[in-house]
Amino acid sequence: QVQMVESGGGLVQAGGSLRLSCSASRSIFSIIYMAWYRQAPGKQREMVASISRGGGLTNYADSVKGRFTISRDNAKNTVYLQMNSLIPEDTAVYYCNAWPHYDSWGQGTQVTVSS
């Protein structure tokens, strides 16, 4: 398995932007799909975006489509999530993992969007 360390979260006003980063403990080149997930208080964890190994295929949850962009740099073992036009409903802890996900999760990074 691979360990992930997420960073870049914070407190932002509605309409603002954040860029999340996920650094992996080893090469992610062999992981066909990487993804970002989030878990809001009292809700189940959900996948918000995924990206294929070469970056040519991406998929987004309807709730973030057009606002979030996922990317990956296999040479740096890093996955990114650019989040624009943030809304309070985006408030959650964000995690990255493979898709389908491994059993082990990182600590996540908290994103809080104020209205």
PDB file of N, CA and C in Angstrom:
ATOM      1  N   GLN A   1       0.838  -1.192   0.000  1.00  0.00           N
ATOM      2  CA  GLN A   1       0.000   0.000   0.000  1.00  0.00           C
ATOM      3  C   GLN A   1       0.872   1.240   0.000  1.00  0.00           C
ATOM      4  N   VAL A   2       0.210   2.378  -0.076  1.00  0.00           N
ATOM      5  CA  VAL A   2       0.926   3.643  -0.125  1.00  0.00           C
ATOM      6  C   VAL A   2       0.287   4.585   0.886  1.00  0.00           C
ATOM      7  N   GLN A   3       1.114   5.358   1.561  1.00  0.00           N
ATOM      8  CA  GLN A   3       0.620   6.324   2.532  1.00  0.00           C
ATOM      9  C   GLN A   3       0.461   7.686   1.860  1.00  0.00           C
ATOM     10  N   MET A   4      -0.638   8.363   2.174  1.00  0.00           N
ATOM     11  CA  MET A   4      -0.925   9.666   1.590  1.00  0.00           C
ATOM     12  C   MET A   4      -0.889  10.742   2.665  1.00  0.00           C
ATOM     13  N   VAL A   5      -0.372  11.896   2.322  1.00  0.00           N
ATOM     14  CA  VAL A   5      -0.376  13.046   3.217  1.00  0.00           C
ATOM     15  C   VAL A   5      -1.028  14.206   2.472  1.00  0.00           C
ATOM     16  N   GLU A   6      -2.203  14.599   2.956  1.00  0.00           N
ATOM     17  CA  GLU A   6      -2.957  15.681   2.333  1.00  0.00           C
ATOM     18  C   GLU A   6      -2.625  17.024   2.992  1.00  0.00           C
ATOM     19  N   SER A   7      -2.661  18.081   2.211  1.00  0.00           N
ATOM     20  CA  SER A   7      -2.386  19.420   2.740  1.00  0.00           C
ATOM     21  C   SER A   7      -3.086  20.459   1.869  1.00  0.00           C
ATOM     22  N   GLY A   8      -3.113  21.681   2.366  1.00  0.00           N
ATOM     23  CA  GLY A   8      -3.654  22.785   1.585  1.00  0.00           C
ATOM     24  C   GLY A   8      -5.027  23.259   1.998  1.00  0.00           C
ATOM     25  N   GLY A   9      -5.644  22.578   2.964  1.00  0.00           N
ATOM     26  CA  GLY A   9      -6.956  23.007   3.401  1.00  0.00           C
ATOM     27  C   GLY A   9      -6.892  24.281   4.214  1.00  0.00           C
ATOM     28  N   GLY A  10      -8.054  24.774   4.593  1.00  0.00           N
ATOM     29  CA  GLY A  10      -8.117  25.989   5.384  1.00  0.00           C
ATOM     30  C   GLY A  10      -9.511  26.550   5.431  1.00  0.00           C
ATOM     31  N   LEU A  11      -9.596  27.764   5.951  1.00  0.00           N
ATOM     32  CA  LEU A  11     -10.861  28.480   6.045  1.00  0.00           C
ATOM     33  C   LEU A  11     -10.917  29.506   4.914  1.00  0.00           C
ATOM     34  N   VAL A  12     -11.999  29.480   4.165  1.00  0.00           N
ATOM     35  CA  VAL A  12     -12.134  30.383   3.027  1.00  0.00           C
ATOM     36  C   VAL A  12     -13.579  30.855   2.932  1.00  0.00           C
ATOM     37  N   GLN A  13     -13.771  32.053   2.426  1.00  0.00           N
ATOM     38  CA  GLN A  13     -15.128  32.552   2.230  1.00  0.00           C
ATOM     39  C   GLN A  13     -15.744  31.947   0.984  1.00  0.00           C
ATOM     40  N   ALA A  14     -17.045  31.893   0.971  1.00  0.00           N
ATOM     41  CA  ALA A  14     -17.758  31.406  -0.208  1.00  0.00           C
ATOM     42  C   ALA A  14     -17.316  32.198  -1.440  1.00  0.00           C
ATOM     43  N   GLY A  15     -17.107  31.479  -2.526  1.00  0.00           N
ATOM     44  CA  GLY A  15     -16.610  32.090  -3.745  1.00  0.00           C
ATOM     45  C   GLY A  15     -15.105  32.029  -3.891  1.00  0.00           C
ATOM     46  N   GLY A  16     -14.433  31.671  -2.825  1.00  0.00           N
ATOM     47  CA  GLY A  16     -12.980  31.604  -2.840  1.00  0.00           C
ATOM     48  C   GLY A  16     -12.446  30.311  -3.449  1.00  0.00           C
ATOM     49  N   SER A  17     -11.114  30.191  -3.394  1.00  0.00           N
ATOM     50  CA  SER A  17     -10.439  29.034  -3.991  1.00  0.00           C
ATOM     51  C   SER A  17      -9.407  28.460  -3.028  1.00  0.00           C
ATOM     52  N   LEU A  18      -9.166  27.177  -3.192  1.00  0.00           N
ATOM     53  CA  LEU A  18      -8.097  26.485  -2.487  1.00  0.00           C
ATOM     54  C   LEU A  18      -7.497  25.453  -3.421  1.00  0.00           C
ATOM     55  N   ARG A  19      -6.225  25.136  -3.179  1.00  0.00           N
ATOM     56  CA  ARG A  19      -5.573  24.067  -3.927  1.00  0.00           C
ATOM     57  C   ARG A  19      -5.039  23.046  -2.933  1.00  0.00           C
ATOM     58  N   LEU A  20      -5.577  21.853  -3.014  1.00  0.00           N
ATOM     59  CA  LEU A  20      -5.143  20.769  -2.151  1.00  0.00           C
ATOM     60  C   LEU A  20      -4.044  19.974  -2.826  1.00  0.00           C
ATOM     61  N   SER A  21      -3.139  19.446  -2.001  1.00  0.00           N
ATOM     62  CA  SER A  21      -2.073  18.578  -2.491  1.00  0.00           C
ATOM     63  C   SER A  21      -2.083  17.280  -1.716  1.00  0.00           C
ATOM     64  N   CYS A  22      -1.688  16.225  -2.376  1.00  0.00           N
ATOM     65  CA  CYS A  22      -1.603  14.914  -1.750  1.00  0.00           C
ATOM     66  C   CYS A  22      -0.269  14.311  -2.148  1.00  0.00           C
ATOM     67  N   SER A  23       0.580  14.090  -1.154  1.00  0.00           N
ATOM     68  CA  SER A  23       1.900  13.544  -1.400  1.00  0.00           C
ATOM     69  C   SER A  23       1.920  12.079  -0.989  1.00  0.00           C
ATOM     70  N   ALA A  24       2.358  11.225  -1.891  1.00  0.00           N
ATOM     71  CA  ALA A  24       2.380   9.790  -1.632  1.00  0.00           C
ATOM     72  C   ALA A  24       3.759   9.331  -1.184  1.00  0.00           C
ATOM     73  N   SER A  25       3.768   8.233  -0.406  1.00  0.00           N
ATOM     74  CA  SER A  25       5.025   7.736   0.170  1.00  0.00           C
ATOM     75  C   SER A  25       5.866   6.955  -0.834  1.00  0.00           C
ATOM     76  N   ARG A  26       5.272   6.605  -1.949  1.00  0.00           N
ATOM     77  CA  ARG A  26       6.009   5.902  -3.002  1.00  0.00           C
ATOM     78  C   ARG A  26       5.418   6.298  -4.345  1.00  0.00           C
ATOM     79  N   SER A  27       5.962   5.742  -5.380  1.00  0.00           N
ATOM     80  CA  SER A  27       5.492   6.067  -6.719  1.00  0.00           C
ATOM     81  C   SER A  27       4.015   5.740  -6.890  1.00  0.00           C
ATOM     82  N   ILE A  28       3.301   6.664  -7.526  1.00  0.00           N
ATOM     83  CA  ILE A  28       1.891   6.439  -7.829  1.00  0.00           C
ATOM     84  C   ILE A  28       1.686   6.064  -9.290  1.00  0.00           C
ATOM     85  N   PHE A  29       2.785   5.904 -10.015  1.00  0.00           N
ATOM     86  CA  PHE A  29       2.660   5.635 -11.440  1.00  0.00           C
ATOM     87  C   PHE A  29       1.862   4.363 -11.706  1.00  0.00           C
ATOM     88  N   SER A  30       2.026   3.385 -10.834  1.00  0.00           N
ATOM     89  CA  SER A  30       1.351   2.101 -11.046  1.00  0.00           C
ATOM     90  C   SER A  30      -0.121   2.128 -10.637  1.00  0.00           C
ATOM     91  N   ILE A  31      -0.548   3.192  -9.992  1.00  0.00           N
ATOM     92  CA  ILE A  31      -1.945   3.300  -9.556  1.00  0.00           C
ATOM     93  C   ILE A  31      -2.757   3.886 -10.709  1.00  0.00           C
ATOM     94  N   ILE A  32      -3.617   3.067 -11.274  1.00  0.00           N
ATOM     95  CA  ILE A  32      -4.318   3.464 -12.495  1.00  0.00           C
ATOM     96  C   ILE A  32      -5.203   4.680 -12.266  1.00  0.00           C
ATOM     97  N   TYR A  33      -5.970   4.658 -11.186  1.00  0.00           N
ATOM     98  CA  TYR A  33      -6.804   5.804 -10.858  1.00  0.00           C
ATOM     99  C   TYR A  33      -6.477   6.313  -9.463  1.00  0.00           C
ATOM    100  N   MET A  34      -6.279   7.624  -9.350  1.00  0.00           N
ATOM    101  CA  MET A  34      -6.184   8.307  -8.072  1.00  0.00           C
ATOM    102  C   MET A  34      -7.437   9.167  -7.917  1.00  0.00           C
ATOM    103  N   ALA A  35      -7.804   9.418  -6.675  1.00  0.00           N
ATOM    104  CA  ALA A  35      -9.046  10.158  -6.454  1.00  0.00           C
ATOM    105  C   ALA A  35      -8.970  11.006  -5.197  1.00  0.00           C
ATOM    106  N   TRP A  36      -9.807  12.012  -5.169  1.00  0.00           N
ATOM    107  CA  TRP A  36     -10.048  12.790  -3.965  1.00  0.00           C
ATOM    108  C   TRP A  36     -11.430  12.427  -3.439  1.00  0.00           C
ATOM    109  N   TYR A  37     -11.488  12.308  -2.129  1.00  0.00           N
ATOM    110  CA  TYR A  37     -12.727  12.014  -1.431  1.00  0.00           C
ATOM    111  C   TYR A  37     -12.951  13.105  -0.383  1.00  0.00           C
ATOM    112  N   ARG A  38     -14.165  13.197   0.111  1.00  0.00           N
ATOM    113  CA  ARG A  38     -14.433  14.103   1.212  1.00  0.00           C
ATOM    114  C   ARG A  38     -15.486  13.517   2.123  1.00  0.00           C
ATOM    115  N   GLN A  39     -15.411  13.957   3.390  1.00  0.00           N
ATOM    116  CA  GLN A  39     -16.403  13.533   4.363  1.00  0.00           C
ATOM    117  C   GLN A  39     -16.830  14.728   5.184  1.00  0.00           C
ATOM    118  N   ALA A  40     -18.085  15.070   5.041  1.00  0.00           N
ATOM    119  CA  ALA A  40     -18.665  16.170   5.802  1.00  0.00           C
ATOM    120  C   ALA A  40     -19.201  15.637   7.126  1.00  0.00           C
ATOM    121  N   PRO A  41     -19.347  16.485   8.132  1.00  0.00           N
ATOM    122  CA  PRO A  41     -19.851  16.023   9.429  1.00  0.00           C
ATOM    123  C   PRO A  41     -21.200  15.322   9.296  1.00  0.00           C
ATOM    124  N   GLY A  42     -21.296  14.142   9.863  1.00  0.00           N
ATOM    125  CA  GLY A  42     -22.540  13.392   9.849  1.00  0.00           C
ATOM    126  C   GLY A  42     -22.874  12.729   8.541  1.00  0.00           C
ATOM    127  N   LYS A  43     -21.950  12.771   7.581  1.00  0.00           N
ATOM    128  CA  LYS A  43     -22.217  12.180   6.275  1.00  0.00           C
ATOM    129  C   LYS A  43     -21.174  11.121   5.938  1.00  0.00           C
ATOM    130  N   GLN A  44     -21.506  10.287   4.972  1.00  0.00           N
ATOM    131  CA  GLN A  44     -20.559   9.274   4.527  1.00  0.00           C
ATOM    132  C   GLN A  44     -19.501   9.891   3.633  1.00  0.00           C
ATOM    133  N   ARG A  45     -18.351   9.242   3.598  1.00  0.00           N
ATOM    134  CA  ARG A  45     -17.300   9.681   2.703  1.00  0.00           C
ATOM    135  C   ARG A  45     -17.753   9.483   1.269  1.00  0.00           C
ATOM    136  N   GLU A  46     -17.459  10.471   0.412  1.00  0.00           N
ATOM    137  CA  GLU A  46     -17.839  10.376  -0.985  1.00  0.00           C
ATOM    138  C   GLU A  46     -16.643  10.747  -1.864  1.00  0.00           C
ATOM    139  N   MET A  47     -16.620  10.175  -3.055  1.00  0.00           N
ATOM    140  CA  MET A  47     -15.590  10.528  -4.000  1.00  0.00           C
ATOM    141  C   MET A  47     -16.027  11.789  -4.741  1.00  0.00           C
ATOM    142  N   VAL A  48     -15.099  12.746  -4.873  1.00  0.00           N
ATOM    143  CA  VAL A  48     -15.445  13.979  -5.584  1.00  0.00           C
ATOM    144  C   VAL A  48     -14.781  14.075  -6.946  1.00  0.00           C
ATOM    145  N   ALA A  49     -13.622  13.415  -7.102  1.00  0.00           N
ATOM    146  CA  ALA A  49     -12.934  13.495  -8.387  1.00  0.00           C
ATOM    147  C   ALA A  49     -11.954  12.345  -8.521  1.00  0.00           C
ATOM    148  N   SER A  50     -11.775  11.871  -9.734  1.00  0.00           N
ATOM    149  CA  SER A  50     -10.782  10.831  -9.996  1.00  0.00           C
ATOM    150  C   SER A  50     -10.036  11.162 -11.280  1.00  0.00           C
ATOM    151  N   ILE A  51      -8.838  10.575 -11.402  1.00  0.00           N
ATOM    152  CA  ILE A  51      -8.013  10.838 -12.573  1.00  0.00           C
ATOM    153  C   ILE A  51      -7.222   9.591 -12.928  1.00  0.00           C
ATOM    154  N   SER A  52      -7.119   9.330 -14.221  1.00  0.00           N
ATOM    155  CA  SER A  52      -6.403   8.164 -14.699  1.00  0.00           C
ATOM    156  C   SER A  52      -4.891   8.384 -14.600  1.00  0.00           C
ATOM    157  N   ARG A  53      -4.148   7.312 -14.801  1.00  0.00           N
ATOM    158  CA  ARG A  53      -2.705   7.360 -14.622  1.00  0.00           C
ATOM    159  C   ARG A  53      -2.050   8.437 -15.466  1.00  0.00           C
ATOM    160  N   GLY A  54      -2.466   8.536 -16.712  1.00  0.00           N
ATOM    161  CA  GLY A  54      -1.873   9.516 -17.612  1.00  0.00           C
ATOM    162  C   GLY A  54      -2.530  10.884 -17.552  1.00  0.00           C
ATOM    163  N   GLY A  55      -3.603  10.982 -16.797  1.00  0.00           N
ATOM    164  CA  GLY A  55      -4.301  12.254 -16.664  1.00  0.00           C
ATOM    165  C   GLY A  55      -5.339  12.515 -17.739  1.00  0.00           C
ATOM    166  N   GLY A  56      -5.457  11.606 -18.681  1.00  0.00           N
ATOM    167  CA  GLY A  56      -6.371  11.852 -19.791  1.00  0.00           C
ATOM    168  C   GLY A  56      -7.833  11.649 -19.475  1.00  0.00           C
ATOM    169  N   LEU A  57      -8.110  10.905 -18.422  1.00  0.00           N
ATOM    170  CA  LEU A  57      -9.498  10.645 -18.046  1.00  0.00           C
ATOM    171  C   LEU A  57      -9.743  11.172 -16.646  1.00  0.00           C
ATOM    172  N   THR A  58     -10.739  12.017 -16.515  1.00  0.00           N
ATOM    173  CA  THR A  58     -11.133  12.531 -15.210  1.00  0.00           C
ATOM    174  C   THR A  58     -12.633  12.345 -15.031  1.00  0.00           C
ATOM    175  N   ASN A  59     -13.033  12.266 -13.789  1.00  0.00           N
ATOM    176  CA  ASN A  59     -14.443  12.105 -13.468  1.00  0.00           C
ATOM    177  C   ASN A  59     -14.742  12.922 -12.213  1.00  0.00           C
ATOM    178  N   TYR A  60     -15.905  13.583 -12.209  1.00  0.00           N
ATOM    179  CA  TYR A  60     -16.253  14.449 -11.090  1.00  0.00           C
ATOM    180  C   TYR A  60     -17.661  14.160 -10.596  1.00  0.00           C
ATOM    181  N   ALA A  61     -17.844  14.312  -9.301  1.00  0.00           N
ATOM    182  CA  ALA A  61     -19.192  14.273  -8.755  1.00  0.00           C
ATOM    183  C   ALA A  61     -19.973  15.460  -9.313  1.00  0.00           C
ATOM    184  N   ASP A  62     -21.254  15.267  -9.508  1.00  0.00           N
ATOM    185  CA  ASP A  62     -22.080  16.336 -10.077  1.00  0.00           C
ATOM    186  C   ASP A  62     -21.992  17.613  -9.247  1.00  0.00           C
ATOM    187  N   SER A  63     -21.838  17.463  -7.948  1.00  0.00           N
ATOM    188  CA  SER A  63     -21.843  18.620  -7.051  1.00  0.00           C
ATOM    189  C   SER A  63     -20.619  19.514  -7.214  1.00  0.00           C
ATOM    190  N   VAL A  64     -19.542  19.004  -7.827  1.00  0.00           N
ATOM    191  CA  VAL A  64     -18.324  19.805  -7.966  1.00  0.00           C
ATOM    192  C   VAL A  64     -17.953  20.040  -9.424  1.00  0.00           C
ATOM    193  N   LYS A  65     -18.685  19.448 -10.332  1.00  0.00           N
ATOM    194  CA  LYS A  65     -18.360  19.553 -11.750  1.00  0.00           C
ATOM    195  C   LYS A  65     -18.360  21.017 -12.184  1.00  0.00           C
ATOM    196  N   GLY A  66     -17.308  21.403 -12.894  1.00  0.00           N
ATOM    197  CA  GLY A  66     -17.183  22.778 -13.359  1.00  0.00           C
ATOM    198  C   GLY A  66     -16.509  23.699 -12.363  1.00  0.00           C
ATOM    199  N   ARG A  67     -16.325  23.237 -11.141  1.00  0.00           N
ATOM    200  CA  ARG A  67     -15.691  24.069 -10.103  1.00  0.00           C
ATOM    201  C   ARG A  67     -14.354  23.490  -9.633  1.00  0.00           C
ATOM    202  N   PHE A  68     -14.238  22.161  -9.611  1.00  0.00           N
ATOM    203  CA  PHE A  68     -13.031  21.483  -9.136  1.00  0.00           C
ATOM    204  C   PHE A  68     -12.275  20.893 -10.324  1.00  0.00           C
ATOM    205  N   THR A  69     -10.950  20.857 -10.197  1.00  0.00           N
ATOM    206  CA  THR A  69     -10.111  20.229 -11.215  1.00  0.00           C
ATOM    207  C   THR A  69      -9.059  19.365 -10.533  1.00  0.00           C
ATOM    208  N   ILE A  70      -9.027  18.099 -10.913  1.00  0.00           N
ATOM    209  CA  ILE A  70      -8.036  17.169 -10.370  1.00  0.00           C
ATOM    210  C   ILE A  70      -6.886  17.035 -11.365  1.00  0.00           C
ATOM    211  N   SER A  71      -5.681  16.896 -10.829  1.00  0.00           N
ATOM    212  CA  SER A  71      -4.513  16.674 -11.671  1.00  0.00           C
ATOM    213  C   SER A  71      -3.513  15.825 -10.884  1.00  0.00           C
ATOM    214  N   ARG A  72      -2.556  15.279 -11.587  1.00  0.00           N
ATOM    215  CA  ARG A  72      -1.555  14.461 -10.921  1.00  0.00           C
ATOM    216  C   ARG A  72      -0.200  14.665 -11.581  1.00  0.00           C
ATOM    217  N   ASP A  73       0.842  14.552 -10.795  1.00  0.00           N
ATOM    218  CA  ASP A  73       2.223  14.624 -11.267  1.00  0.00           C
ATOM    219  C   ASP A  73       2.899  13.348 -10.793  1.00  0.00           C
ATOM    220  N   ASN A  74       2.966  12.368 -11.665  1.00  0.00           N
ATOM    221  CA  ASN A  74       3.522  11.072 -11.272  1.00  0.00           C
ATOM    222  C   ASN A  74       5.002  11.179 -10.896  1.00  0.00           C
ATOM    223  N   ALA A  75       5.711  12.091 -11.515  1.00  0.00           N
ATOM    224  CA  ALA A  75       7.130  12.258 -11.208  1.00  0.00           C
ATOM    225  C   ALA A  75       7.341  12.750  -9.775  1.00  0.00           C
ATOM    226  N   LYS A  76       6.362  13.500  -9.268  1.00  0.00           N
ATOM    227  CA  LYS A  76       6.443  14.020  -7.901  1.00  0.00           C
ATOM    228  C   LYS A  76       5.597  13.218  -6.927  1.00  0.00           C
ATOM    229  N   ASN A  77       4.967  12.165  -7.417  1.00  0.00           N
ATOM    230  CA  ASN A  77       4.106  11.329  -6.565  1.00  0.00           C
ATOM    231  C   ASN A  77       3.049  12.181  -5.863  1.00  0.00           C
ATOM    232  N   THR A  78       2.464  13.096  -6.596  1.00  0.00           N
ATOM    233  CA  THR A  78       1.541  14.067  -6.008  1.00  0.00           C
ATOM    234  C   THR A  78       0.275  14.190  -6.842  1.00  0.00           C
ATOM    235  N   VAL A  79      -0.818  14.345  -6.127  1.00  0.00           N
ATOM    236  CA  VAL A  79      -2.120  14.581  -6.749  1.00  0.00           C
ATOM    237  C   VAL A  79      -2.646  15.909  -6.212  1.00  0.00           C
ATOM    238  N   TYR A  80      -3.299  16.659  -7.077  1.00  0.00           N
ATOM    239  CA  TYR A  80      -3.796  17.980  -6.698  1.00  0.00           C
ATOM    240  C   TYR A  80      -5.311  18.067  -6.891  1.00  0.00           C
ATOM    241  N   LEU A  81      -5.906  18.983  -6.160  1.00  0.00           N
ATOM    242  CA  LEU A  81      -7.312  19.304  -6.373  1.00  0.00           C
ATOM    243  C   LEU A  81      -7.457  20.815  -6.301  1.00  0.00           C
ATOM    244  N   GLN A  82      -7.700  21.434  -7.441  1.00  0.00           N
ATOM    245  CA  GLN A  82      -7.963  22.870  -7.499  1.00  0.00           C
ATOM    246  C   GLN A  82      -9.454  23.082  -7.293  1.00  0.00           C
ATOM    247  N   MET A  83      -9.797  23.846  -6.287  1.00  0.00           N
ATOM    248  CA  MET A  83     -11.201  24.062  -5.947  1.00  0.00           C
ATOM    249  C   MET A  83     -11.519  25.548  -6.084  1.00  0.00           C
ATOM    250  N   ASN A  84     -12.415  25.866  -6.986  1.00  0.00           N
ATOM    251  CA  ASN A  84     -12.835  27.239  -7.221  1.00  0.00           C
ATOM    252  C   ASN A  84     -14.318  27.402  -6.897  1.00  0.00           C
ATOM    253  N   SER A  85     -14.734  28.643  -6.751  1.00  0.00           N
ATOM    254  CA  SER A  85     -16.147  28.950  -6.490  1.00  0.00           C
ATOM    255  C   SER A  85     -16.686  28.105  -5.339  1.00  0.00           C
ATOM    256  N   LEU A  86     -15.945  28.065  -4.275  1.00  0.00           N
ATOM    257  CA  LEU A  86     -16.316  27.222  -3.137  1.00  0.00           C
ATOM    258  C   LEU A  86     -17.616  27.700  -2.507  1.00  0.00           C
ATOM    259  N   ILE A  87     -18.390  26.745  -2.038  1.00  0.00           N
ATOM    260  CA  ILE A  87     -19.659  27.004  -1.367  1.00  0.00           C
ATOM    261  C   ILE A  87     -19.634  26.334  -0.006  1.00  0.00           C
ATOM    262  N   PRO A  88     -20.487  26.784   0.925  1.00  0.00           N
ATOM    263  CA  PRO A  88     -20.469  26.180   2.269  1.00  0.00           C
ATOM    264  C   PRO A  88     -20.645  24.663   2.265  1.00  0.00           C
ATOM    265  N   GLU A  89     -21.381  24.140   1.291  1.00  0.00           N
ATOM    266  CA  GLU A  89     -21.596  22.701   1.204  1.00  0.00           C
ATOM    267  C   GLU A  89     -20.323  21.924   0.873  1.00  0.00           C
ATOM    268  N   ASP A  90     -19.271  22.618   0.504  1.00  0.00           N
ATOM    269  CA  ASP A  90     -17.986  21.960   0.262  1.00  0.00           C
ATOM    270  C   ASP A  90     -17.205  21.728   1.547  1.00  0.00           C
ATOM    271  N   THR A  91     -17.686  22.245   2.655  1.00  0.00           N
ATOM    272  CA  THR A  91     -17.017  22.054   3.937  1.00  0.00           C
ATOM    273  C   THR A  91     -16.940  20.573   4.279  1.00  0.00           C
ATOM    274  N   ALA A  92     -15.720  20.094   4.504  1.00  0.00           N
ATOM    275  CA  ALA A  92     -15.503  18.668   4.766  1.00  0.00           C
ATOM    276  C   ALA A  92     -14.016  18.441   5.014  1.00  0.00           C
ATOM    277  N   VAL A  93     -13.692  17.228   5.439  1.00  0.00           N
ATOM    278  CA  VAL A  93     -12.308  16.778   5.450  1.00  0.00           C
ATOM    279  C   VAL A  93     -12.062  16.080   4.122  1.00  0.00           C
ATOM    280  N   TYR A  94     -10.997  16.486   3.444  1.00  0.00           N
ATOM    281  CA  TYR A  94     -10.682  15.956   2.126  1.00  0.00           C
ATOM    282  C   TYR A  94      -9.516  14.981   2.222  1.00  0.00           C
ATOM    283  N   TYR A  95      -9.666  13.858   1.530  1.00  0.00           N
ATOM    284  CA  TYR A  95      -8.675  12.797   1.518  1.00  0.00           C
ATOM    285  C   TYR A  95      -8.340  12.413   0.081  1.00  0.00           C
ATOM    286  N   CYS A  96      -7.134  11.920  -0.123  1.00  0.00           N
ATOM    287  CA  CYS A  96      -6.852  11.299  -1.416  1.00  0.00           C
ATOM    288  C   CYS A  96      -6.525   9.825  -1.185  1.00  0.00           C
ATOM    289  N   ASN A  97      -6.750   9.059  -2.199  1.00  0.00           N
ATOM    290  CA  ASN A  97      -6.544   7.622  -2.138  1.00  0.00           C
ATOM    291  C   ASN A  97      -6.625   7.097  -3.562  1.00  0.00           C
ATOM    292  N   ALA A  98      -6.317   5.857  -3.712  1.00  0.00           N
ATOM    293  CA  ALA A  98      -6.526   5.229  -5.009  1.00  0.00           C
ATOM    294  C   ALA A  98      -8.032   5.061  -5.223  1.00  0.00           C
ATOM    295  N   TRP A  99      -8.394   4.737  -6.485  1.00  0.00           N
ATOM    296  CA  TRP A  99      -9.766   4.335  -6.750  1.00  0.00           C
ATOM    297  C   TRP A  99      -9.721   3.035  -7.529  1.00  0.00           C
ATOM    298  N   PRO A 100     -10.312   1.974  -7.021  1.00  0.00           N
ATOM    299  CA  PRO A 100     -10.941   1.838  -5.714  1.00  0.00           C
ATOM    300  C   PRO A 100      -9.924   2.097  -4.591  1.00  0.00           C
ATOM    301  N   HIS A 101     -10.414   2.533  -3.466  1.00  0.00           N
ATOM    302  CA  HIS A 101      -9.496   2.980  -2.427  1.00  0.00           C
ATOM    303  C   HIS A 101      -8.864   1.834  -1.649  1.00  0.00           C
ATOM    304  N   TYR A 102      -7.653   2.118  -1.137  1.00  0.00           N
ATOM    305  CA  TYR A 102      -7.014   1.215  -0.193  1.00  0.00           C
ATOM    306  C   TYR A 102      -7.735   1.290   1.153  1.00  0.00           C
ATOM    307  N   ASP A 103      -7.465   0.329   2.005  1.00  0.00           N
ATOM    308  CA  ASP A 103      -8.079   0.329   3.334  1.00  0.00           C
ATOM    309  C   ASP A 103      -7.534   1.456   4.206  1.00  0.00           C
ATOM    310  N   SER A 104      -6.278   1.815   3.999  1.00  0.00           N
ATOM    311  CA  SER A 104      -5.624   2.821   4.835  1.00  0.00           C
ATOM    312  C   SER A 104      -5.870   4.217   4.271  1.00  0.00           C
ATOM    313  N   TRP A 105      -6.181   5.152   5.194  1.00  0.00           N
ATOM    314  CA  TRP A 105      -6.421   6.549   4.810  1.00  0.00           C
ATOM    315  C   TRP A 105      -5.432   7.465   5.509  1.00  0.00           C
ATOM    316  N   GLY A 106      -5.144   8.583   4.883  1.00  0.00           N
ATOM    317  CA  GLY A 106      -4.334   9.605   5.518  1.00  0.00           C
ATOM    318  C   GLY A 106      -5.156  10.384   6.533  1.00  0.00           C
ATOM    319  N   GLN A 107      -4.554  11.435   7.080  1.00  0.00           N
ATOM    320  CA  GLN A 107      -5.259  12.217   8.096  1.00  0.00           C
ATOM    321  C   GLN A 107      -6.243  13.207   7.477  1.00  0.00           C
ATOM    322  N   GLY A 108      -6.119  13.437   6.198  1.00  0.00           N
ATOM    323  CA  GLY A 108      -7.013  14.366   5.522  1.00  0.00           C
ATOM    324  C   GLY A 108      -6.631  15.813   5.791  1.00  0.00           C
ATOM    325  N   THR A 109      -7.302  16.711   5.088  1.00  0.00           N
ATOM    326  CA  THR A 109      -7.104  18.144   5.300  1.00  0.00           C
ATOM    327  C   THR A 109      -8.471  18.816   5.370  1.00  0.00           C
ATOM    328  N   GLN A 110      -8.664  19.640   6.369  1.00  0.00           N
ATOM    329  CA  GLN A 110      -9.959  20.259   6.624  1.00  0.00           C
ATOM    330  C   GLN A 110     -10.164  21.463   5.713  1.00  0.00           C
ATOM    331  N   VAL A 111     -11.299  21.483   5.056  1.00  0.00           N
ATOM    332  CA  VAL A 111     -11.719  22.637   4.259  1.00  0.00           C
ATOM    333  C   VAL A 111     -13.003  23.177   4.871  1.00  0.00           C
ATOM    334  N   THR A 112     -12.985  24.443   5.219  1.00  0.00           N
ATOM    335  CA  THR A 112     -14.158  25.088   5.789  1.00  0.00           C
ATOM    336  C   THR A 112     -14.498  26.314   4.957  1.00  0.00           C
ATOM    337  N   VAL A 113     -15.723  26.344   4.447  1.00  0.00           N
ATOM    338  CA  VAL A 113     -16.172  27.451   3.613  1.00  0.00           C
ATOM    339  C   VAL A 113     -17.242  28.215   4.376  1.00  0.00           C
ATOM    340  N   SER A 114     -16.979  29.470   4.633  1.00  0.00           N
ATOM    341  CA  SER A 114     -17.935  30.288   5.370  1.00  0.00           C
ATOM    342  C   SER A 114     -18.836  31.048   4.403  1.00  0.00           C
ATOM    343  N   SER A 115     -20.062  31.268   4.842  1.00  0.00           N
ATOM    344  CA  SER A 115     -21.031  31.965   3.973  1.00  0.00           C
ATOM    345  C   SER A 115     -20.954  33.470   4.159  1.00  0.00           C
TER     346      SER A 115
END
